[in-house]
Amino acid sequence: MTKLIFLPHEEICPEGAMIAAEPGVSICDAALGNGIEIEHACEKSCACTTCHVIIREGFDSLEEADETEEDLLDKAWGLEPESRLSCQALVGDEDLVIEIPKYTINMVSEQH
């Protein structure tokens, strides 16, 4: 199992969190399955940027983003070189430290 360490986020996980995930599962699915309510307005279909995360440690262990994800990331709030859409980034064998940005471009949260 791979450790996913989520840094504190004021609304989503104020204390931060550490969860275990099987390699091959998306960061978004791992988070949602462990009570970390990451936004995912497009239902994880790679059509928005609400599940944008920044990989603070372990970024190089992830497979590269495809062109569709890269194009969407260009629209994400707070984009950084280590940004990924959590619905597309699959957990590998290396532990990850993940930051959920403070804002998204989503005007209304639907509380999935």
PDB file of N, CA and C in Angstrom:
ATOM      1  N   MET A   1       0.846  -1.184   0.000  1.00  0.00           N
ATOM      2  CA  MET A   1       0.000   0.000   0.000  1.00  0.00           C
ATOM      3  C   MET A   1       0.890   1.245   0.000  1.00  0.00           C
ATOM      4  N   THR A   2       0.418   2.241  -0.691  1.00  0.00           N
ATOM      5  CA  THR A   2       1.130   3.505  -0.798  1.00  0.00           C
ATOM      6  C   THR A   2       0.475   4.509   0.145  1.00  0.00           C
ATOM      7  N   LYS A   3       1.296   5.300   0.841  1.00  0.00           N
ATOM      8  CA  LYS A   3       0.764   6.327   1.734  1.00  0.00           C
ATOM      9  C   LYS A   3       0.498   7.602   0.941  1.00  0.00           C
ATOM     10  N   LEU A   4      -0.678   8.178   1.157  1.00  0.00           N
ATOM     11  CA  LEU A   4      -1.021   9.478   0.607  1.00  0.00           C
ATOM     12  C   LEU A   4      -1.191  10.416   1.791  1.00  0.00           C
ATOM     13  N   ILE A   5      -0.356  11.423   1.845  1.00  0.00           N
ATOM     14  CA  ILE A   5      -0.395  12.385   2.938  1.00  0.00           C
ATOM     15  C   ILE A   5      -0.986  13.676   2.390  1.00  0.00           C
ATOM     16  N   PHE A   6      -2.167  14.027   2.878  1.00  0.00           N
ATOM     17  CA  PHE A   6      -2.833  15.252   2.464  1.00  0.00           C
ATOM     18  C   PHE A   6      -2.506  16.347   3.463  1.00  0.00           C
ATOM     19  N   LEU A   7      -1.950  17.442   2.961  1.00  0.00           N
ATOM     20  CA  LEU A   7      -1.650  18.580   3.815  1.00  0.00           C
ATOM     21  C   LEU A   7      -2.964  19.223   4.269  1.00  0.00           C
ATOM     22  N   PRO A   8      -2.937  19.911   5.403  1.00  0.00           N
ATOM     23  CA  PRO A   8      -4.176  20.528   5.888  1.00  0.00           C
ATOM     24  C   PRO A   8      -4.792  21.483   4.858  1.00  0.00           C
ATOM     25  N   HIS A   9      -6.098  21.398   4.736  1.00  0.00           N
ATOM     26  CA  HIS A   9      -6.892  22.288   3.890  1.00  0.00           C
ATOM     27  C   HIS A   9      -8.016  22.809   4.770  1.00  0.00           C
ATOM     28  N   GLU A  10      -8.183  24.111   4.794  1.00  0.00           N
ATOM     29  CA  GLU A  10      -9.113  24.771   5.714  1.00  0.00           C
ATOM     30  C   GLU A  10     -10.497  24.138   5.757  1.00  0.00           C
ATOM     31  N   GLU A  11     -11.038  23.744   4.616  1.00  0.00           N
ATOM     32  CA  GLU A  11     -12.405  23.220   4.577  1.00  0.00           C
ATOM     33  C   GLU A  11     -12.486  21.714   4.380  1.00  0.00           C
ATOM     34  N   ILE A  12     -11.625  21.163   3.552  1.00  0.00           N
ATOM     35  CA  ILE A  12     -11.761  19.753   3.160  1.00  0.00           C
ATOM     36  C   ILE A  12     -11.175  18.797   4.197  1.00  0.00           C
ATOM     37  N   CYS A  13      -9.996  19.107   4.720  1.00  0.00           N
ATOM     38  CA  CYS A  13      -9.408  18.282   5.792  1.00  0.00           C
ATOM     39  C   CYS A  13      -8.516  19.186   6.651  1.00  0.00           C
ATOM     40  N   PRO A  14      -9.133  19.905   7.586  1.00  0.00           N
ATOM     41  CA  PRO A  14      -8.416  20.901   8.380  1.00  0.00           C
ATOM     42  C   PRO A  14      -7.198  20.364   9.139  1.00  0.00           C
ATOM     43  N   GLU A  15      -7.226  19.114   9.521  1.00  0.00           N
ATOM     44  CA  GLU A  15      -6.111  18.527  10.259  1.00  0.00           C
ATOM     45  C   GLU A  15      -5.096  17.837   9.343  1.00  0.00           C
ATOM     46  N   GLY A  16      -5.390  17.810   8.041  1.00  0.00           N
ATOM     47  CA  GLY A  16      -4.578  16.997   7.144  1.00  0.00           C
ATOM     48  C   GLY A  16      -5.001  15.546   7.312  1.00  0.00           C
ATOM     49  N   ALA A  17      -4.414  14.669   6.530  1.00  0.00           N
ATOM     50  CA  ALA A  17      -4.788  13.254   6.628  1.00  0.00           C
ATOM     51  C   ALA A  17      -3.697  12.386   6.010  1.00  0.00           C
ATOM     52  N   MET A  18      -3.596  11.180   6.505  1.00  0.00           N
ATOM     53  CA  MET A  18      -2.721  10.184   5.901  1.00  0.00           C
ATOM     54  C   MET A  18      -3.576   8.946   5.659  1.00  0.00           C
ATOM     55  N   ILE A  19      -3.606   8.503   4.397  1.00  0.00           N
ATOM     56  CA  ILE A  19      -4.401   7.336   4.031  1.00  0.00           C
ATOM     57  C   ILE A  19      -3.516   6.362   3.262  1.00  0.00           C
ATOM     58  N   ALA A  20      -3.975   5.149   3.118  1.00  0.00           N
ATOM     59  CA  ALA A  20      -3.277   4.142   2.322  1.00  0.00           C
ATOM     60  C   ALA A  20      -4.100   3.867   1.068  1.00  0.00           C
ATOM     61  N   ALA A  21      -3.397   3.682  -0.045  1.00  0.00           N
ATOM     62  CA  ALA A  21      -4.090   3.414  -1.312  1.00  0.00           C
ATOM     63  C   ALA A  21      -3.344   2.347  -2.092  1.00  0.00           C
ATOM     64  N   GLU A  22      -4.097   1.559  -2.811  1.00  0.00           N
ATOM     65  CA  GLU A  22      -3.520   0.550  -3.691  1.00  0.00           C
ATOM     66  C   GLU A  22      -2.943   1.234  -4.926  1.00  0.00           C
ATOM     67  N   PRO A  23      -1.778   0.823  -5.403  1.00  0.00           N
ATOM     68  CA  PRO A  23      -1.271   1.351  -6.670  1.00  0.00           C
ATOM     69  C   PRO A  23      -2.290   1.114  -7.789  1.00  0.00           C
ATOM     70  N   GLY A  24      -2.446   2.122  -8.656  1.00  0.00           N
ATOM     71  CA  GLY A  24      -3.369   2.016  -9.773  1.00  0.00           C
ATOM     72  C   GLY A  24      -4.689   2.727  -9.559  1.00  0.00           C
ATOM     73  N   VAL A  25      -5.010   3.090  -8.311  1.00  0.00           N
ATOM     74  CA  VAL A  25      -6.237   3.834  -8.037  1.00  0.00           C
ATOM     75  C   VAL A  25      -5.927   5.322  -8.204  1.00  0.00           C
ATOM     76  N   SER A  26      -6.928   6.098  -8.608  1.00  0.00           N
ATOM     77  CA  SER A  26      -6.689   7.537  -8.757  1.00  0.00           C
ATOM     78  C   SER A  26      -6.605   8.193  -7.376  1.00  0.00           C
ATOM     79  N   ILE A  27      -5.884   9.287  -7.313  1.00  0.00           N
ATOM     80  CA  ILE A  27      -5.784  10.044  -6.068  1.00  0.00           C
ATOM     81  C   ILE A  27      -7.178  10.473  -5.625  1.00  0.00           C
ATOM     82  N   CYS A  28      -8.007  10.891  -6.566  1.00  0.00           N
ATOM     83  CA  CYS A  28      -9.365  11.328  -6.252  1.00  0.00           C
ATOM     84  C   CYS A  28     -10.172  10.193  -5.622  1.00  0.00           C
ATOM     85  N   ASP A  29     -10.160   9.017  -6.221  1.00  0.00           N
ATOM     86  CA  ASP A  29     -10.917   7.891  -5.678  1.00  0.00           C
ATOM     87  C   ASP A  29     -10.402   7.481  -4.301  1.00  0.00           C
ATOM     88  N   ALA A  30      -9.082   7.501  -4.125  1.00  0.00           N
ATOM     89  CA  ALA A  30      -8.510   7.160  -2.824  1.00  0.00           C
ATOM     90  C   ALA A  30      -8.963   8.160  -1.770  1.00  0.00           C
ATOM     91  N   ALA A  31      -8.943   9.448  -2.113  1.00  0.00           N
ATOM     92  CA  ALA A  31      -9.372  10.479  -1.169  1.00  0.00           C
ATOM     93  C   ALA A  31     -10.847  10.321  -0.820  1.00  0.00           C
ATOM     94  N   LEU A  32     -11.694  10.222  -1.841  1.00  0.00           N
ATOM     95  CA  LEU A  32     -13.134  10.107  -1.615  1.00  0.00           C
ATOM     96  C   LEU A  32     -13.477   8.866  -0.790  1.00  0.00           C
ATOM     97  N   GLY A  33     -12.768   7.770  -1.049  1.00  0.00           N
ATOM     98  CA  GLY A  33     -13.007   6.530  -0.320  1.00  0.00           C
ATOM     99  C   GLY A  33     -12.592   6.586   1.140  1.00  0.00           C
ATOM    100  N   ASN A  34     -11.856   7.652   1.484  1.00  0.00           N
ATOM    101  CA  ASN A  34     -11.398   7.808   2.860  1.00  0.00           C
ATOM    102  C   ASN A  34     -11.933   9.088   3.507  1.00  0.00           C
ATOM    103  N   GLY A  35     -13.048   9.586   2.980  1.00  0.00           N
ATOM    104  CA  GLY A  35     -13.716  10.716   3.606  1.00  0.00           C
ATOM    105  C   GLY A  35     -13.127  12.081   3.315  1.00  0.00           C
ATOM    106  N   ILE A  36     -12.216  12.169   2.351  1.00  0.00           N
ATOM    107  CA  ILE A  36     -11.651  13.464   1.957  1.00  0.00           C
ATOM    108  C   ILE A  36     -12.430  13.910   0.729  1.00  0.00           C
ATOM    109  N   GLU A  37     -13.317  14.851   0.912  1.00  0.00           N
ATOM    110  CA  GLU A  37     -14.291  15.225  -0.114  1.00  0.00           C
ATOM    111  C   GLU A  37     -13.724  16.207  -1.146  1.00  0.00           C
ATOM    112  N   ILE A  38     -12.803  15.719  -1.954  1.00  0.00           N
ATOM    113  CA  ILE A  38     -12.249  16.516  -3.051  1.00  0.00           C
ATOM    114  C   ILE A  38     -13.373  16.805  -4.042  1.00  0.00           C
ATOM    115  N   GLU A  39     -13.427  18.044  -4.520  1.00  0.00           N
ATOM    116  CA  GLU A  39     -14.434  18.373  -5.531  1.00  0.00           C
ATOM    117  C   GLU A  39     -14.124  17.612  -6.816  1.00  0.00           C
ATOM    118  N   HIS A  40     -15.185  17.252  -7.515  1.00  0.00           N
ATOM    119  CA  HIS A  40     -15.042  16.542  -8.793  1.00  0.00           C
ATOM    120  C   HIS A  40     -16.308  16.780  -9.614  1.00  0.00           C
ATOM    121  N   ALA A  41     -16.458  18.032 -10.045  1.00  0.00           N
ATOM    122  CA  ALA A  41     -17.698  18.479 -10.686  1.00  0.00           C
ATOM    123  C   ALA A  41     -18.039  17.709 -11.954  1.00  0.00           C
ATOM    124  N   CYS A  42     -17.034  17.188 -12.659  1.00  0.00           N
ATOM    125  CA  CYS A  42     -17.320  16.462 -13.908  1.00  0.00           C
ATOM    126  C   CYS A  42     -17.437  14.954 -13.675  1.00  0.00           C
ATOM    127  N   GLU A  43     -17.562  14.565 -12.414  1.00  0.00           N
ATOM    128  CA  GLU A  43     -17.671  13.142 -12.062  1.00  0.00           C
ATOM    129  C   GLU A  43     -16.464  12.331 -12.522  1.00  0.00           C
ATOM    130  N   LYS A  44     -15.278  12.949 -12.426  1.00  0.00           N
ATOM    131  CA  LYS A  44     -13.988  12.291 -12.695  1.00  0.00           C
ATOM    132  C   LYS A  44     -13.812  11.892 -14.163  1.00  0.00           C
ATOM    133  N   SER A  45     -14.373  12.691 -15.076  1.00  0.00           N
ATOM    134  CA  SER A  45     -14.271  12.365 -16.503  1.00  0.00           C
ATOM    135  C   SER A  45     -13.220  13.199 -17.240  1.00  0.00           C
ATOM    136  N   CYS A  46     -12.381  13.904 -16.505  1.00  0.00           N
ATOM    137  CA  CYS A  46     -11.330  14.748 -17.085  1.00  0.00           C
ATOM    138  C   CYS A  46     -11.929  15.831 -17.983  1.00  0.00           C
ATOM    139  N   ALA A  47     -12.934  16.537 -17.428  1.00  0.00           N
ATOM    140  CA  ALA A  47     -13.593  17.596 -18.185  1.00  0.00           C
ATOM    141  C   ALA A  47     -13.602  18.926 -17.442  1.00  0.00           C
ATOM    142  N   CYS A  48     -12.974  18.985 -16.256  1.00  0.00           N
ATOM    143  CA  CYS A  48     -12.922  20.236 -15.499  1.00  0.00           C
ATOM    144  C   CYS A  48     -11.616  20.241 -14.697  1.00  0.00           C
ATOM    145  N   THR A  49     -11.479  21.187 -13.793  1.00  0.00           N
ATOM    146  CA  THR A  49     -10.260  21.243 -12.975  1.00  0.00           C
ATOM    147  C   THR A  49     -10.554  21.275 -11.481  1.00  0.00           C
ATOM    148  N   THR A  50     -11.760  20.933 -11.085  1.00  0.00           N
ATOM    149  CA  THR A  50     -12.120  21.068  -9.675  1.00  0.00           C
ATOM    150  C   THR A  50     -11.366  20.099  -8.764  1.00  0.00           C
ATOM    151  N   CYS A  51     -10.819  19.043  -9.304  1.00  0.00           N
ATOM    152  CA  CYS A  51     -10.069  18.077  -8.478  1.00  0.00           C
ATOM    153  C   CYS A  51      -8.558  18.314  -8.539  1.00  0.00           C
ATOM    154  N   HIS A  52      -8.161  19.497  -8.988  1.00  0.00           N
ATOM    155  CA  HIS A  52      -6.751  19.871  -9.103  1.00  0.00           C
ATOM    156  C   HIS A  52      -6.041  19.736  -7.751  1.00  0.00           C
ATOM    157  N   VAL A  53      -4.894  19.086  -7.762  1.00  0.00           N
ATOM    158  CA  VAL A  53      -4.040  18.974  -6.578  1.00  0.00           C
ATOM    159  C   VAL A  53      -2.604  19.281  -6.982  1.00  0.00           C
ATOM    160  N   ILE A  54      -1.785  19.573  -5.987  1.00  0.00           N
ATOM    161  CA  ILE A  54      -0.361  19.793  -6.201  1.00  0.00           C
ATOM    162  C   ILE A  54       0.375  18.690  -5.452  1.00  0.00           C
ATOM    163  N   ILE A  55       1.234  17.979  -6.162  1.00  0.00           N
ATOM    164  CA  ILE A  55       1.990  16.878  -5.565  1.00  0.00           C
ATOM    165  C   ILE A  55       3.296  17.456  -5.019  1.00  0.00           C
ATOM    166  N   ARG A  56       3.376  17.604  -3.709  1.00  0.00           N
ATOM    167  CA  ARG A  56       4.547  18.211  -3.068  1.00  0.00           C
ATOM    168  C   ARG A  56       5.719  17.246  -2.950  1.00  0.00           C
ATOM    169  N   GLU A  57       5.431  15.964  -2.841  1.00  0.00           N
ATOM    170  CA  GLU A  57       6.481  14.938  -2.822  1.00  0.00           C
ATOM    171  C   GLU A  57       5.969  13.709  -3.562  1.00  0.00           C
ATOM    172  N   GLY A  58       6.845  13.109  -4.370  1.00  0.00           N
ATOM    173  CA  GLY A  58       6.498  11.895  -5.096  1.00  0.00           C
ATOM    174  C   GLY A  58       5.991  12.134  -6.506  1.00  0.00           C
ATOM    175  N   PHE A  59       6.036  13.369  -6.989  1.00  0.00           N
ATOM    176  CA  PHE A  59       5.498  13.707  -8.311  1.00  0.00           C
ATOM    177  C   PHE A  59       6.088  12.830  -9.416  1.00  0.00           C
ATOM    178  N   ASP A  60       7.385  12.589  -9.358  1.00  0.00           N
ATOM    179  CA  ASP A  60       8.041  11.827 -10.424  1.00  0.00           C
ATOM    180  C   ASP A  60       7.629  10.363 -10.475  1.00  0.00           C
ATOM    181  N   SER A  61       6.956   9.873  -9.429  1.00  0.00           N
ATOM    182  CA  SER A  61       6.512   8.472  -9.435  1.00  0.00           C
ATOM    183  C   SER A  61       5.211   8.296 -10.220  1.00  0.00           C
ATOM    184  N   LEU A  62       4.552   9.409 -10.571  1.00  0.00           N
ATOM    185  CA  LEU A  62       3.294   9.345 -11.311  1.00  0.00           C
ATOM    186  C   LEU A  62       3.565   9.273 -12.805  1.00  0.00           C
ATOM    187  N   GLU A  63       2.690   8.591 -13.526  1.00  0.00           N
ATOM    188  CA  GLU A  63       2.785   8.604 -14.982  1.00  0.00           C
ATOM    189  C   GLU A  63       2.525  10.020 -15.470  1.00  0.00           C
ATOM    190  N   GLU A  64       3.083  10.362 -16.610  1.00  0.00           N
ATOM    191  CA  GLU A  64       2.898  11.704 -17.153  1.00  0.00           C
ATOM    192  C   GLU A  64       1.438  11.954 -17.510  1.00  0.00           C
ATOM    193  N   ALA A  65       1.037  13.216 -17.379  1.00  0.00           N
ATOM    194  CA  ALA A  65      -0.318  13.614 -17.753  1.00  0.00           C
ATOM    195  C   ALA A  65      -0.465  13.538 -19.267  1.00  0.00           C
ATOM    196  N   ASP A  66      -1.661  13.168 -19.728  1.00  0.00           N
ATOM    197  CA  ASP A  66      -1.890  13.163 -21.170  1.00  0.00           C
ATOM    198  C   ASP A  66      -2.246  14.572 -21.639  1.00  0.00           C
ATOM    199  N   GLU A  67      -2.408  14.745 -22.931  1.00  0.00           N
ATOM    200  CA  GLU A  67      -2.627  16.066 -23.514  1.00  0.00           C
ATOM    201  C   GLU A  67      -3.928  16.712 -23.020  1.00  0.00           C
ATOM    202  N   THR A  68      -4.977  15.921 -22.867  1.00  0.00           N
ATOM    203  CA  THR A  68      -6.255  16.454 -22.389  1.00  0.00           C
ATOM    204  C   THR A  68      -6.108  17.019 -20.979  1.00  0.00           C
ATOM    205  N   GLU A  69      -5.454  16.258 -20.102  1.00  0.00           N
ATOM    206  CA  GLU A  69      -5.238  16.731 -18.737  1.00  0.00           C
ATOM    207  C   GLU A  69      -4.376  17.988 -18.727  1.00  0.00           C
ATOM    208  N   GLU A  70      -3.312  17.996 -19.525  1.00  0.00           N
ATOM    209  CA  GLU A  70      -2.428  19.174 -19.598  1.00  0.00           C
ATOM    210  C   GLU A  70      -3.202  20.408 -20.039  1.00  0.00           C
ATOM    211  N   ASP A  71      -4.068  20.257 -21.044  1.00  0.00           N
ATOM    212  CA  ASP A  71      -4.856  21.390 -21.526  1.00  0.00           C
ATOM    213  C   ASP A  71      -5.783  21.924 -20.429  1.00  0.00           C
ATOM    214  N   LEU A  72      -6.405  21.027 -19.683  1.00  0.00           N
ATOM    215  CA  LEU A  72      -7.290  21.457 -18.607  1.00  0.00           C
ATOM    216  C   LEU A  72      -6.511  22.118 -17.473  1.00  0.00           C
ATOM    217  N   LEU A  73      -5.358  21.561 -17.140  1.00  0.00           N
ATOM    218  CA  LEU A  73      -4.558  22.128 -16.055  1.00  0.00           C
ATOM    219  C   LEU A  73      -4.194  23.582 -16.317  1.00  0.00           C
ATOM    220  N   ASP A  74      -4.054  23.951 -17.582  1.00  0.00           N
ATOM    221  CA  ASP A  74      -3.748  25.347 -17.913  1.00  0.00           C
ATOM    222  C   ASP A  74      -4.813  26.299 -17.393  1.00  0.00           C
ATOM    223  N   LYS A  75      -6.008  25.790 -17.091  1.00  0.00           N
ATOM    224  CA  LYS A  75      -7.118  26.617 -16.617  1.00  0.00           C
ATOM    225  C   LYS A  75      -7.280  26.565 -15.090  1.00  0.00           C
ATOM    226  N   ALA A  76      -6.488  25.757 -14.427  1.00  0.00           N
ATOM    227  CA  ALA A  76      -6.640  25.554 -12.984  1.00  0.00           C
ATOM    228  C   ALA A  76      -6.129  26.757 -12.196  1.00  0.00           C
ATOM    229  N   TRP A  77      -6.817  27.049 -11.091  1.00  0.00           N
ATOM    230  CA  TRP A  77      -6.375  28.106 -10.202  1.00  0.00           C
ATOM    231  C   TRP A  77      -5.115  27.642  -9.478  1.00  0.00           C
ATOM    232  N   GLY A  78      -4.091  28.482  -9.415  1.00  0.00           N
ATOM    233  CA  GLY A  78      -2.887  28.158  -8.654  1.00  0.00           C
ATOM    234  C   GLY A  78      -2.017  27.092  -9.293  1.00  0.00           C
ATOM    235  N   LEU A  79      -2.028  26.995 -10.608  1.00  0.00           N
ATOM    236  CA  LEU A  79      -1.258  25.976 -11.320  1.00  0.00           C
ATOM    237  C   LEU A  79       0.226  26.050 -10.963  1.00  0.00           C
ATOM    238  N   GLU A  80       0.825  24.896 -10.717  1.00  0.00           N
ATOM    239  CA  GLU A  80       2.258  24.772 -10.449  1.00  0.00           C
ATOM    240  C   GLU A  80       2.809  23.639 -11.303  1.00  0.00           C
ATOM    241  N   PRO A  81       4.123  23.570 -11.466  1.00  0.00           N
ATOM    242  CA  PRO A  81       4.697  22.494 -12.290  1.00  0.00           C
ATOM    243  C   PRO A  81       4.324  21.086 -11.809  1.00  0.00           C
ATOM    244  N   GLU A  82       4.042  20.943 -10.521  1.00  0.00           N
ATOM    245  CA  GLU A  82       3.691  19.631  -9.959  1.00  0.00           C
ATOM    246  C   GLU A  82       2.181  19.451  -9.808  1.00  0.00           C
ATOM    247  N   SER A  83       1.396  20.219 -10.567  1.00  0.00           N
ATOM    248  CA  SER A  83      -0.060  20.107 -10.519  1.00  0.00           C
ATOM    249  C   SER A  83      -0.540  18.904 -11.321  1.00  0.00           C
ATOM    250  N   ARG A  84      -1.597  18.287 -10.826  1.00  0.00           N
ATOM    251  CA  ARG A  84      -2.269  17.195 -11.526  1.00  0.00           C
ATOM    252  C   ARG A  84      -3.760  17.265 -11.235  1.00  0.00           C
ATOM    253  N   LEU A  85      -4.540  16.652 -12.105  1.00  0.00           N
ATOM    254  CA  LEU A  85      -5.948  16.432 -11.807  1.00  0.00           C
ATOM    255  C   LEU A  85      -6.008  15.121 -11.036  1.00  0.00           C
ATOM    256  N   SER A  86      -6.565  15.162  -9.844  1.00  0.00           N
ATOM    257  CA  SER A  86      -6.530  13.964  -8.998  1.00  0.00           C
ATOM    258  C   SER A  86      -7.348  12.812  -9.571  1.00  0.00           C
ATOM    259  N   CYS A  87      -8.288  13.115 -10.468  1.00  0.00           N
ATOM    260  CA  CYS A  87      -9.073  12.037 -11.088  1.00  0.00           C
ATOM    261  C   CYS A  87      -8.264  11.294 -12.144  1.00  0.00           C
ATOM    262  N   GLN A  88      -7.167  11.869 -12.594  1.00  0.00           N
ATOM    263  CA  GLN A  88      -6.357  11.265 -13.654  1.00  0.00           C
ATOM    264  C   GLN A  88      -5.033  10.711 -13.152  1.00  0.00           C
ATOM    265  N   ALA A  89      -4.542  11.222 -12.038  1.00  0.00           N
ATOM    266  CA  ALA A  89      -3.248  10.794 -11.488  1.00  0.00           C
ATOM    267  C   ALA A  89      -3.425   9.493 -10.710  1.00  0.00           C
ATOM    268  N   LEU A  90      -2.788   8.441 -11.200  1.00  0.00           N
ATOM    269  CA  LEU A  90      -2.899   7.132 -10.555  1.00  0.00           C
ATOM    270  C   LEU A  90      -1.746   6.923  -9.579  1.00  0.00           C
ATOM    271  N   VAL A  91      -2.085   6.447  -8.402  1.00  0.00           N
ATOM    272  CA  VAL A  91      -1.102   6.174  -7.365  1.00  0.00           C
ATOM    273  C   VAL A  91      -0.123   5.115  -7.861  1.00  0.00           C
ATOM    274  N   GLY A  92       1.153   5.342  -7.593  1.00  0.00           N
ATOM    275  CA  GLY A  92       2.181   4.362  -7.928  1.00  0.00           C
ATOM    276  C   GLY A  92       2.681   3.691  -6.661  1.00  0.00           C
ATOM    277  N   ASP A  93       3.968   3.341  -6.648  1.00  0.00           N
ATOM    278  CA  ASP A  93       4.565   2.650  -5.499  1.00  0.00           C
ATOM    279  C   ASP A  93       5.218   3.590  -4.499  1.00  0.00           C
ATOM    280  N   GLU A  94       5.314   4.876  -4.840  1.00  0.00           N
ATOM    281  CA  GLU A  94       5.996   5.839  -3.973  1.00  0.00           C
ATOM    282  C   GLU A  94       4.964   6.668  -3.210  1.00  0.00           C
ATOM    283  N   ASP A  95       5.248   6.908  -1.923  1.00  0.00           N
ATOM    284  CA  ASP A  95       4.352   7.730  -1.111  1.00  0.00           C
ATOM    285  C   ASP A  95       4.244   9.131  -1.711  1.00  0.00           C
ATOM    286  N   LEU A  96       3.092   9.762  -1.499  1.00  0.00           N
ATOM    287  CA  LEU A  96       2.827  11.090  -2.044  1.00  0.00           C
ATOM    288  C   LEU A  96       2.443  12.058  -0.937  1.00  0.00           C
ATOM    289  N   VAL A  97       2.907  13.295  -1.066  1.00  0.00           N
ATOM    290  CA  VAL A  97       2.447  14.388  -0.221  1.00  0.00           C
ATOM    291  C   VAL A  97       1.648  15.301  -1.138  1.00  0.00           C
ATOM    292  N   ILE A  98       0.389  15.539  -0.774  1.00  0.00           N
ATOM    293  CA  ILE A  98      -0.566  16.193  -1.665  1.00  0.00           C
ATOM    294  C   ILE A  98      -1.147  17.436  -1.008  1.00  0.00           C
ATOM    295  N   GLU A  99      -1.169  18.522  -1.778  1.00  0.00           N
ATOM    296  CA  GLU A  99      -1.816  19.752  -1.334  1.00  0.00           C
ATOM    297  C   GLU A  99      -3.057  19.983  -2.185  1.00  0.00           C
ATOM    298  N   ILE A 100      -4.169  20.225  -1.535  1.00  0.00           N
ATOM    299  CA  ILE A 100      -5.396  20.601  -2.232  1.00  0.00           C
ATOM    300  C   ILE A 100      -5.426  22.126  -2.237  1.00  0.00           C
ATOM    301  N   PRO A 101      -5.418  22.744  -3.420  1.00  0.00           N
ATOM    302  CA  PRO A 101      -5.398  24.207  -3.454  1.00  0.00           C
ATOM    303  C   PRO A 101      -6.598  24.818  -2.727  1.00  0.00           C
ATOM    304  N   LYS A 102      -6.397  26.031  -2.253  1.00  0.00           N
ATOM    305  CA  LYS A 102      -7.440  26.726  -1.492  1.00  0.00           C
ATOM    306  C   LYS A 102      -8.671  27.004  -2.340  1.00  0.00           C
ATOM    307  N   TYR A 103      -8.475  27.277  -3.629  1.00  0.00           N
ATOM    308  CA  TYR A 103      -9.592  27.643  -4.495  1.00  0.00           C
ATOM    309  C   TYR A 103      -9.648  26.737  -5.715  1.00  0.00           C
ATOM    310  N   THR A 104     -10.828  26.693  -6.342  1.00  0.00           N
ATOM    311  CA  THR A 104     -10.986  26.073  -7.646  1.00  0.00           C
ATOM    312  C   THR A 104     -11.676  27.113  -8.534  1.00  0.00           C
ATOM    313  N   ILE A 105     -11.776  26.813  -9.819  1.00  0.00           N
ATOM    314  CA  ILE A 105     -12.498  27.731 -10.702  1.00  0.00           C
ATOM    315  C   ILE A 105     -13.991  27.463 -10.666  1.00  0.00           C
ATOM    316  N   ASN A 106     -14.411  26.475  -9.885  1.00  0.00           N
ATOM    317  CA  ASN A 106     -15.823  26.133  -9.751  1.00  0.00           C
ATOM    318  C   ASN A 106     -16.543  27.238  -8.983  1.00  0.00           C
ATOM    319  N   MET A 107     -17.577  27.803  -9.573  1.00  0.00           N
ATOM    320  CA  MET A 107     -18.312  28.882  -8.920  1.00  0.00           C
ATOM    321  C   MET A 107     -19.209  28.378  -7.791  1.00  0.00           C
ATOM    322  N   VAL A 108     -19.691  27.148  -7.917  1.00  0.00           N
ATOM    323  CA  VAL A 108     -20.617  26.603  -6.932  1.00  0.00           C
ATOM    324  C   VAL A 108     -20.174  25.177  -6.624  1.00  0.00           C
ATOM    325  N   SER A 109     -20.013  24.877  -5.364  1.00  0.00           N
ATOM    326  CA  SER A 109     -19.685  23.519  -4.951  1.00  0.00           C
ATOM    327  C   SER A 109     -20.974  22.744  -4.795  1.00  0.00           C
ATOM    328  N   GLU A 110     -21.032  21.577  -5.432  1.00  0.00           N
ATOM    329  CA  GLU A 110     -22.251  20.775  -5.388  1.00  0.00           C
ATOM    330  C   GLU A 110     -22.242  19.746  -4.271  1.00  0.00           C
ATOM    331  N   GLN A 111     -21.161  19.712  -3.486  1.00  0.00           N
ATOM    332  CA  GLN A 111     -21.048  18.799  -2.351  1.00  0.00           C
ATOM    333  C   GLN A 111     -21.395  17.369  -2.713  1.00  0.00           C
ATOM    334  N   HIS A 112     -20.620  16.775  -3.624  1.00  0.00           N
ATOM    335  CA  HIS A 112     -20.851  15.391  -4.081  1.00  0.00           C
ATOM    336  C   HIS A 112     -20.798  14.429  -2.930  1.00  0.00           C
TER     337      HIS A 112
END
